[in-house]
Amino acid sequence: MYRHLLYATDFSPESQSAQARAVDVAQKYDAQLSIIHVIDYLPVSQLDGGLSVVPDLEQKLNENARDDITACAAEIPLKLSHKHVCTGSPRREITDYALAINADLIVLGSHGRHGLGLLLGSTANGVLHLAQCDVLAVRVRD
């Protein structure tokens, strides 16, 4: 049924259940598995009346995320088709990347903590509404 899964991770310990489910589904359907992490926090400082990213922080965040995605991939007992780290809106980046790699299922953890996100999680909810493929939101325990 599924040929290519995209597992979206924030590298939190709670996301392990979503990772396990992504691996399980990929194995069950003999599907490709790709992984994405989106950096959505870039602190800004006000300089001369304008806003700018704190120097070198974006580069450091990207380096750390690339190290983390490599470590995460090493824990997955399957050969990954793609590993992707980017910066932006998680819901938009995840759904755009799923479309770009022709994924037919997005797997991510759901751990909403506030507001409407209590029902599903703001990122999971956003992905669910934007995705052009199936979405599996795995409940994670905080």
Protein backbone atom coordinates (compact mmCIF):
# COMPACT_ATOMS: atom_id res chain seq x y z
CA MET A 1 0.00 0.00 0.00
CA TYR A 2 2.71 2.55 0.94
CA ARG A 3 5.85 2.88 -1.16
CA HIS A 4 7.68 5.81 0.45
CA LEU A 5 7.35 7.06 4.03
CA LEU A 6 8.65 10.33 5.42
CA TYR A 7 9.42 10.31 9.14
CA ALA A 8 9.48 13.81 10.64
CA THR A 9 11.39 14.11 13.90
CA ASP A 10 12.24 16.74 16.48
CA PHE A 11 14.85 14.41 18.06
CA SER A 12 13.06 14.45 21.43
CA PRO A 13 13.10 11.25 23.49
CA GLU A 14 9.32 11.15 23.08
CA SER A 15 9.65 10.89 19.31
CA GLN A 16 11.06 7.36 19.62
CA SER A 17 7.55 5.90 19.42
CA ALA A 18 6.93 7.67 16.11
CA GLN A 19 10.29 6.45 14.82
CA ALA A 20 9.46 2.88 15.81
CA ARG A 21 6.09 3.12 14.04
CA ALA A 22 7.69 4.55 10.89
CA VAL A 23 10.19 1.68 10.80
CA ASP A 24 7.44 -0.87 11.44
CA VAL A 25 5.22 0.44 8.64
CA ALA A 26 8.16 0.71 6.22
CA GLN A 27 9.15 -2.88 6.94
CA LYS A 28 5.57 -4.11 6.70
CA TYR A 29 5.10 -2.61 3.23
CA ASP A 30 8.71 -3.01 2.08
CA ALA A 31 8.68 0.75 1.54
CA GLN A 32 11.40 3.36 1.30
CA LEU A 33 11.94 5.48 4.41
CA SER A 34 13.19 9.05 4.51
CA ILE A 35 13.71 11.35 7.49
CA ILE A 36 13.34 15.10 7.94
CA HIS A 37 14.06 17.56 10.72
CA VAL A 38 12.96 21.17 10.51
CA ILE A 39 14.66 23.88 12.54
CA ASP A 40 11.90 26.30 13.40
CA TYR A 41 13.57 28.47 16.01
CA LEU A 42 15.93 31.19 14.95
CA PRO A 43 16.43 33.80 17.65
CA VAL A 44 16.66 37.30 16.24
CA SER A 45 18.25 40.42 17.54
CA GLN A 46 17.40 43.99 16.74
CA LEU A 47 20.21 45.78 14.97
CA ASP A 48 19.90 49.36 13.74
CA GLY A 49 16.12 49.24 13.72
CA GLY A 50 15.92 45.95 11.81
CA LEU A 51 15.83 42.32 12.81
CA SER A 52 18.60 39.87 12.06
CA VAL A 53 19.53 36.36 13.07
CA VAL A 54 22.08 36.14 15.86
CA PRO A 55 25.45 35.67 14.08
CA ASP A 56 26.64 32.07 13.63
CA LEU A 57 23.61 30.67 15.48
CA GLU A 58 21.86 29.48 12.33
CA GLN A 59 25.02 27.69 11.21
CA LYS A 60 25.45 26.07 14.64
CA LEU A 61 21.81 24.95 14.74
CA ASN A 62 22.21 23.39 11.28
CA GLU A 63 25.43 21.63 12.26
CA ASN A 64 23.82 20.22 15.42
CA ALA A 65 20.73 19.10 13.49
CA ARG A 66 22.87 17.35 10.86
CA ASP A 67 24.77 15.53 13.63
CA ASP A 68 21.45 14.59 15.27
CA ILE A 69 19.89 13.31 12.04
CA THR A 70 22.99 11.20 11.37
CA ALA A 71 22.74 9.70 14.88
CA CYS A 72 19.01 9.13 14.46
CA ALA A 73 19.55 7.44 11.09
CA ALA A 74 22.14 5.13 12.66
CA GLU A 75 19.43 3.85 15.05
CA ILE A 76 17.10 2.95 12.18
CA PRO A 77 17.59 -0.63 10.97
CA LEU A 78 16.75 0.29 7.37
CA LYS A 79 18.63 2.03 4.59
CA LEU A 80 17.21 5.54 4.36
CA SER A 81 16.34 7.01 0.98
CA HIS A 82 16.84 10.63 2.10
CA LYS A 83 17.98 12.58 5.17
CA HIS A 84 16.95 16.22 5.13
CA VAL A 85 17.52 19.15 7.49
CA CYS A 86 16.06 22.54 6.73
CA THR A 87 14.91 25.74 8.39
CA GLY A 88 11.39 27.12 8.22
CA SER A 89 7.83 26.39 9.23
CA PRO A 90 7.77 22.69 10.21
CA ARG A 91 4.30 22.03 8.81
CA ARG A 92 5.12 23.69 5.50
CA GLU A 93 8.62 22.21 5.14
CA ILE A 94 7.46 18.69 6.01
CA THR A 95 4.57 18.72 3.55
CA ASP A 96 6.61 20.37 0.79
CA TYR A 97 9.42 17.84 1.21
CA ALA A 98 6.97 14.92 1.23
CA LEU A 99 5.66 16.16 -2.10
CA ALA A 100 9.18 16.67 -3.48
CA ILE A 101 10.26 13.09 -2.70
CA ASN A 102 6.88 11.62 -3.65
CA ALA A 103 6.16 10.25 -0.16
CA ASP A 104 2.76 8.67 0.25
CA LEU A 105 2.78 8.64 4.07
CA ILE A 106 4.13 11.11 6.61
CA VAL A 107 4.79 9.73 10.11
CA LEU A 108 5.29 12.13 13.00
CA GLY A 109 4.77 12.34 16.71
CA SER A 110 1.87 14.22 18.21
CA HIS A 111 2.41 15.90 21.53
CA GLY A 112 0.34 19.03 21.77
CA ARG A 113 0.85 21.04 24.91
CA HIS A 114 -1.25 24.18 24.59
CA GLY A 115 -4.33 25.71 22.98
CA LEU A 116 -5.85 23.82 20.07
CA GLY A 117 -2.64 21.82 19.94
CA LEU A 118 -3.87 19.89 22.98
CA LEU A 119 -6.00 17.81 20.64
CA LEU A 120 -3.30 16.81 18.19
CA GLY A 121 -0.23 19.03 18.38
CA SER A 122 0.26 22.16 16.34
CA THR A 123 2.81 20.70 13.91
CA ALA A 124 0.91 17.44 13.48
CA ASN A 125 -2.33 19.36 13.00
CA GLY A 126 -0.73 21.64 10.43
CA VAL A 127 0.80 18.72 8.53
CA LEU A 128 -2.52 16.90 8.56
CA HIS A 129 -4.25 19.86 6.93
CA LEU A 130 -1.52 20.68 4.39
CA ALA A 131 -0.35 17.23 3.32
CA GLN A 132 -1.32 15.80 -0.04
CA CYS A 133 -0.68 12.28 1.22
CA ASP A 134 -1.70 10.21 4.23
CA VAL A 135 -0.47 11.29 7.67
CA LEU A 136 0.10 9.02 10.64
CA ALA A 137 0.28 11.03 13.87
CA VAL A 138 1.67 8.78 16.60
CA ARG A 139 0.72 9.73 20.13
CA VAL A 140 3.83 10.30 22.18
CA ARG A 141 4.03 10.54 25.94
CA ASP A 142 5.55 13.67 27.44
